[in-house]
Amino acid sequence: MWKKSLAFVTALFFALSIGQSVFAAIDTSAMEKALDEDLKSTHYDYKKGSVEVEDPKTFTGEKGEQVIGGIAVLETVRDGIFITIKREIHFFNADSGKLLTNADAAKIDGVKGYIDSNSDNLKQKVVYWLPMLLMILLIAVPAVILYVVVPRLYSTTEYMNPIYERNDNPR
């Protein structure tokens, strides 16, 4: 009986802790749509629809409007093989539905602390596996052709060897 009641209480606390995190979530879908439109003009190699907002936080603007700040994680693709994952901080006015410039966001209380606390998260990561795979293929494909295919091609010396052997060894 004791084990069943302990399991029930543990499950109850677990369910309540999940419920609180769900209620505390900030809706960033409008911010992601606005970022998707804006990033096309600022990054010429932006991969459409790749933006995600991490670590969102709400602020109250000068006029009482709700401002959402977050780290935008986006992908840029150059020439179809050079992929870069960038992390940038952006701010979004939820009431007007527009992105804020850095000068407008600096006027809001708490924004400077948010930027300072997340400045270590702003990194740029280059994905190297695809260019490296292509470089390996540039070396591997000719090597396979030279060492596997070429020796198996038609060779006149192999074709003529039985004729030469017959003429060299008279019976």
C-alpha atoms as a PDB file:
ATOM      1  CA  MET A   1       0.000   0.000   0.000  1.00  0.00           C
ATOM      2  CA  TRP A   2       2.811   2.359   0.919  1.00  0.00           C
ATOM      3  CA  LYS A   3       4.515   1.864  -2.483  1.00  0.00           C
ATOM      4  CA  LYS A   4       1.289   2.522  -4.398  1.00  0.00           C
ATOM      5  CA  SER A   5       0.578   5.746  -2.518  1.00  0.00           C
ATOM      6  CA  LEU A   6       4.175   6.928  -2.994  1.00  0.00           C
ATOM      7  CA  ALA A   7       3.951   6.177  -6.728  1.00  0.00           C
ATOM      8  CA  PHE A   8       0.638   8.064  -6.942  1.00  0.00           C
ATOM      9  CA  VAL A   9       2.027  11.146  -5.163  1.00  0.00           C
ATOM     10  CA  THR A  10       5.147  11.089  -7.352  1.00  0.00           C
ATOM     11  CA  ALA A  11       3.056  10.857 -10.526  1.00  0.00           C
ATOM     12  CA  LEU A  12       0.837  13.695  -9.284  1.00  0.00           C
ATOM     13  CA  PHE A  13       3.817  16.002  -8.663  1.00  0.00           C
ATOM     14  CA  PHE A  14       5.296  15.061 -12.027  1.00  0.00           C
ATOM     15  CA  ALA A  15       2.027  15.865 -13.837  1.00  0.00           C
ATOM     16  CA  LEU A  16       1.682  19.195 -12.040  1.00  0.00           C
ATOM     17  CA  SER A  17       5.254  20.227 -12.893  1.00  0.00           C
ATOM     18  CA  ILE A  18       4.664  19.495 -16.587  1.00  0.00           C
ATOM     19  CA  GLY A  19       1.431  21.482 -16.526  1.00  0.00           C
ATOM     20  CA  GLN A  20       3.154  24.562 -15.130  1.00  0.00           C
ATOM     21  CA  SER A  21       5.802  24.563 -17.847  1.00  0.00           C
ATOM     22  CA  VAL A  22       3.099  24.287 -20.527  1.00  0.00           C
ATOM     23  CA  PHE A  23       1.215  27.256 -19.138  1.00  0.00           C
ATOM     24  CA  ALA A  24       4.383  29.353 -18.978  1.00  0.00           C
ATOM     25  CA  ALA A  25       5.190  28.899 -22.681  1.00  0.00           C
ATOM     26  CA  ILE A  26       5.369  32.017 -24.838  1.00  0.00           C
ATOM     27  CA  ASP A  27       3.773  31.908 -28.288  1.00  0.00           C
ATOM     28  CA  THR A  28       6.485  32.855 -30.780  1.00  0.00           C
ATOM     29  CA  SER A  29       4.730  31.824 -34.010  1.00  0.00           C
ATOM     30  CA  ALA A  30       3.969  35.427 -35.047  1.00  0.00           C
ATOM     31  CA  MET A  31       7.559  36.405 -34.281  1.00  0.00           C
ATOM     32  CA  GLU A  32       8.879  33.522 -36.409  1.00  0.00           C
ATOM     33  CA  LYS A  33       6.684  34.589 -39.352  1.00  0.00           C
ATOM     34  CA  ALA A  34       7.891  38.192 -39.101  1.00  0.00           C
ATOM     35  CA  LEU A  35      11.499  37.035 -38.826  1.00  0.00           C
ATOM     36  CA  ASP A  36      11.070  34.781 -41.846  1.00  0.00           C
ATOM     37  CA  GLU A  37       9.996  37.781 -43.945  1.00  0.00           C
ATOM     38  CA  ASP A  38      12.667  40.114 -42.552  1.00  0.00           C
ATOM     39  CA  LEU A  39      15.600  37.702 -42.817  1.00  0.00           C
ATOM     40  CA  LYS A  40      15.098  37.340 -46.577  1.00  0.00           C
ATOM     41  CA  SER A  41      16.153  40.962 -47.000  1.00  0.00           C
ATOM     42  CA  THR A  42      19.045  40.951 -44.502  1.00  0.00           C
ATOM     43  CA  HIS A  43      20.588  37.574 -45.424  1.00  0.00           C
ATOM     44  CA  TYR A  44      20.727  36.859 -49.162  1.00  0.00           C
ATOM     45  CA  ASP A  45      21.469  33.181 -48.553  1.00  0.00           C
ATOM     46  CA  TYR A  46      18.789  32.619 -45.885  1.00  0.00           C
ATOM     47  CA  LYS A  47      17.036  29.233 -46.071  1.00  0.00           C
ATOM     48  CA  LYS A  48      13.345  30.047 -45.993  1.00  0.00           C
ATOM     49  CA  GLY A  49      11.416  28.644 -43.037  1.00  0.00           C
ATOM     50  CA  SER A  50      14.489  27.630 -41.043  1.00  0.00           C
ATOM     51  CA  VAL A  51      14.151  30.182 -38.244  1.00  0.00           C
ATOM     52  CA  GLU A  52      13.335  29.044 -34.712  1.00  0.00           C
ATOM     53  CA  VAL A  53      13.119  31.198 -31.593  1.00  0.00           C
ATOM     54  CA  GLU A  54      14.849  29.919 -28.472  1.00  0.00           C
ATOM     55  CA  ASP A  55      14.750  31.254 -24.918  1.00  0.00           C
ATOM     56  CA  PRO A  56      11.879  33.726 -25.435  1.00  0.00           C
ATOM     57  CA  LYS A  57      11.223  36.356 -22.794  1.00  0.00           C
ATOM     58  CA  THR A  58       8.520  38.995 -22.582  1.00  0.00           C
ATOM     59  CA  PHE A  59       9.144  42.638 -21.768  1.00  0.00           C
ATOM     60  CA  THR A  60       6.833  45.609 -21.299  1.00  0.00           C
ATOM     61  CA  GLY A  61       7.484  48.498 -23.671  1.00  0.00           C
ATOM     62  CA  GLU A  62       7.380  52.234 -22.989  1.00  0.00           C
ATOM     63  CA  LYS A  63       3.696  52.498 -23.899  1.00  0.00           C
ATOM     64  CA  GLY A  64       2.692  49.266 -22.165  1.00  0.00           C
ATOM     65  CA  GLU A  65       2.911  47.046 -25.239  1.00  0.00           C
ATOM     66  CA  GLN A  66       4.171  43.483 -24.993  1.00  0.00           C
ATOM     67  CA  VAL A  67       7.627  42.915 -26.496  1.00  0.00           C
ATOM     68  CA  ILE A  68       9.019  39.419 -27.030  1.00  0.00           C
ATOM     69  CA  GLY A  69      12.755  38.921 -27.167  1.00  0.00           C
ATOM     70  CA  GLY A  70      14.452  35.734 -28.242  1.00  0.00           C
ATOM     71  CA  ILE A  71      17.437  34.098 -29.848  1.00  0.00           C
ATOM     72  CA  ALA A  72      16.693  33.384 -33.501  1.00  0.00           C
ATOM     73  CA  VAL A  73      18.423  30.269 -34.807  1.00  0.00           C
ATOM     74  CA  LEU A  74      18.566  30.371 -38.616  1.00  0.00           C
ATOM     75  CA  GLU A  75      20.291  28.564 -41.458  1.00  0.00           C
ATOM     76  CA  THR A  76      22.010  30.100 -44.445  1.00  0.00           C
ATOM     77  CA  VAL A  77      22.956  28.004 -47.474  1.00  0.00           C
ATOM     78  CA  ARG A  78      25.477  29.162 -50.072  1.00  0.00           C
ATOM     79  CA  ASP A  79      25.849  27.341 -53.376  1.00  0.00           C
ATOM     80  CA  GLY A  80      23.747  24.491 -52.059  1.00  0.00           C
ATOM     81  CA  ILE A  81      26.587  22.954 -50.018  1.00  0.00           C
ATOM     82  CA  PHE A  82      27.949  25.537 -47.566  1.00  0.00           C
ATOM     83  CA  ILE A  83      25.533  25.532 -44.615  1.00  0.00           C
ATOM     84  CA  THR A  84      25.913  27.960 -41.712  1.00  0.00           C
ATOM     85  CA  ILE A  85      23.790  27.992 -38.551  1.00  0.00           C
ATOM     86  CA  LYS A  86      23.595  31.477 -37.046  1.00  0.00           C
ATOM     87  CA  ARG A  87      22.199  32.638 -33.693  1.00  0.00           C
ATOM     88  CA  GLU A  88      21.012  36.253 -33.363  1.00  0.00           C
ATOM     89  CA  ILE A  89      18.937  38.171 -30.815  1.00  0.00           C
ATOM     90  CA  HIS A  90      15.767  39.789 -32.134  1.00  0.00           C
ATOM     91  CA  PHE A  91      12.882  41.652 -30.516  1.00  0.00           C
ATOM     92  CA  PHE A  92       9.259  41.629 -31.642  1.00  0.00           C
ATOM     93  CA  ASN A  93       6.404  43.955 -30.710  1.00  0.00           C
ATOM     94  CA  ALA A  94       3.513  41.541 -30.198  1.00  0.00           C
ATOM     95  CA  ASP A  95       0.861  44.291 -30.253  1.00  0.00           C
ATOM     96  CA  SER A  96       1.843  45.857 -33.587  1.00  0.00           C
ATOM     97  CA  GLY A  97       3.247  42.658 -35.142  1.00  0.00           C
ATOM     98  CA  LYS A  98       6.553  44.250 -36.180  1.00  0.00           C
ATOM     99  CA  LEU A  99      10.176  43.534 -35.417  1.00  0.00           C
ATOM    100  CA  LEU A 100      11.999  46.145 -33.391  1.00  0.00           C
ATOM    101  CA  THR A 101      15.332  47.655 -34.334  1.00  0.00           C
ATOM    102  CA  ASN A 102      18.195  47.525 -31.854  1.00  0.00           C
ATOM    103  CA  ALA A 103      17.758  51.228 -31.064  1.00  0.00           C
ATOM    104  CA  ASP A 104      14.057  50.762 -30.257  1.00  0.00           C
ATOM    105  CA  ALA A 105      14.706  47.661 -28.175  1.00  0.00           C
ATOM    106  CA  ALA A 106      17.457  49.393 -26.167  1.00  0.00           C
ATOM    107  CA  LYS A 107      14.871  51.800 -24.717  1.00  0.00           C
ATOM    108  CA  ILE A 108      12.952  48.960 -23.030  1.00  0.00           C
ATOM    109  CA  ASP A 109      13.761  48.049 -19.428  1.00  0.00           C
ATOM    110  CA  GLY A 110      15.464  44.680 -18.969  1.00  0.00           C
ATOM    111  CA  VAL A 111      16.592  44.289 -22.579  1.00  0.00           C
ATOM    112  CA  LYS A 112      20.225  45.143 -21.844  1.00  0.00           C
ATOM    113  CA  GLY A 113      20.374  42.491 -19.131  1.00  0.00           C
ATOM    114  CA  TYR A 114      18.802  39.947 -21.483  1.00  0.00           C
ATOM    115  CA  ILE A 115      21.359  40.717 -24.195  1.00  0.00           C
ATOM    116  CA  ASP A 116      24.251  40.538 -21.713  1.00  0.00           C
ATOM    117  CA  SER A 117      23.079  37.213 -20.280  1.00  0.00           C
ATOM    118  CA  ASN A 118      22.717  35.664 -23.753  1.00  0.00           C
ATOM    119  CA  SER A 119      25.770  37.163 -25.447  1.00  0.00           C
ATOM    120  CA  ASP A 120      27.664  33.864 -25.024  1.00  0.00           C
ATOM    121  CA  ASN A 121      24.941  32.017 -26.980  1.00  0.00           C
ATOM    122  CA  LEU A 122      25.376  34.124 -30.132  1.00  0.00           C
ATOM    123  CA  LYS A 123      27.548  31.906 -32.267  1.00  0.00           C
ATOM    124  CA  GLN A 124      27.932  30.929 -35.876  1.00  0.00           C
ATOM    125  CA  LYS A 125      28.491  27.287 -36.745  1.00  0.00           C
ATOM    126  CA  VAL A 126      29.614  26.071 -40.156  1.00  0.00           C
ATOM    127  CA  VAL A 127      28.494  22.580 -41.182  1.00  0.00           C
ATOM    128  CA  TYR A 128      31.553  20.928 -42.685  1.00  0.00           C
ATOM    129  CA  TRP A 129      30.355  17.419 -43.491  1.00  0.00           C
ATOM    130  CA  LEU A 130      28.864  18.149 -46.932  1.00  0.00           C
ATOM    131  CA  PRO A 131      31.875  19.987 -48.450  1.00  0.00           C
ATOM    132  CA  MET A 132      34.208  17.384 -46.929  1.00  0.00           C
ATOM    133  CA  LEU A 133      32.132  14.571 -48.430  1.00  0.00           C
ATOM    134  CA  LEU A 134      32.363  16.193 -51.851  1.00  0.00           C
ATOM    135  CA  MET A 135      36.123  16.610 -51.508  1.00  0.00           C
ATOM    136  CA  ILE A 136      36.509  12.950 -50.546  1.00  0.00           C
ATOM    137  CA  LEU A 137      34.405  11.934 -53.537  1.00  0.00           C
ATOM    138  CA  LEU A 138      36.617  14.030 -55.820  1.00  0.00           C
ATOM    139  CA  ILE A 139      39.549  11.882 -54.720  1.00  0.00           C
ATOM    140  CA  ALA A 140      37.785   8.530 -54.304  1.00  0.00           C
ATOM    141  CA  VAL A 141      35.941   8.333 -57.634  1.00  0.00           C
ATOM    142  CA  PRO A 142      39.062   8.738 -59.848  1.00  0.00           C
ATOM    143  CA  ALA A 143      40.960   6.315 -57.585  1.00  0.00           C
ATOM    144  CA  VAL A 144      38.257   3.673 -58.004  1.00  0.00           C
ATOM    145  CA  ILE A 145      38.280   4.204 -61.755  1.00  0.00           C
ATOM    146  CA  LEU A 146      42.080   3.868 -61.922  1.00  0.00           C
ATOM    147  CA  TYR A 147      42.466   0.831 -59.697  1.00  0.00           C
ATOM    148  CA  VAL A 148      39.279  -1.140 -60.398  1.00  0.00           C
ATOM    149  CA  VAL A 149      37.838  -0.218 -63.782  1.00  0.00           C
ATOM    150  CA  VAL A 150      40.918   0.478 -65.917  1.00  0.00           C
ATOM    151  CA  PRO A 151      42.680  -2.889 -65.351  1.00  0.00           C
ATOM    152  CA  ARG A 152      39.499  -4.704 -66.404  1.00  0.00           C
ATOM    153  CA  LEU A 153      39.173  -2.881 -69.704  1.00  0.00           C
ATOM    154  CA  TYR A 154      39.997  -4.524 -73.018  1.00  0.00           C
ATOM    155  CA  SER A 155      43.752  -5.043 -73.294  1.00  0.00           C
ATOM    156  CA  THR A 156      45.412  -6.000 -76.593  1.00  0.00           C
ATOM    157  CA  THR A 157      48.376  -7.628 -74.901  1.00  0.00           C
ATOM    158  CA  GLU A 158      46.144 -10.021 -72.960  1.00  0.00           C
ATOM    159  CA  TYR A 159      44.222 -10.789 -76.136  1.00  0.00           C
ATOM    160  CA  MET A 160      47.370 -11.480 -78.152  1.00  0.00           C
ATOM    161  CA  ASN A 161      49.218 -13.552 -75.522  1.00  0.00           C
ATOM    162  CA  PRO A 162      47.784 -16.939 -76.625  1.00  0.00           C
ATOM    163  CA  ILE A 163      48.805 -16.229 -80.241  1.00  0.00           C
ATOM    164  CA  TYR A 164      52.332 -15.257 -79.214  1.00  0.00           C
ATOM    165  CA  GLU A 165      52.688 -18.340 -77.047  1.00  0.00           C
ATOM    166  CA  ARG A 166      51.678 -20.609 -79.925  1.00  0.00           C
ATOM    167  CA  ASN A 167      54.222 -19.043 -82.265  1.00  0.00           C
ATOM    168  CA  ASP A 168      57.032 -19.082 -79.702  1.00  0.00           C
ATOM    169  CA  ASN A 169      56.556 -22.720 -78.799  1.00  0.00           C
ATOM    170  CA  PRO A 170      56.533 -24.762 -82.017  1.00  0.00           C
ATOM    171  CA  ARG A 171      55.476 -28.397 -81.655  1.00  0.00           C
END
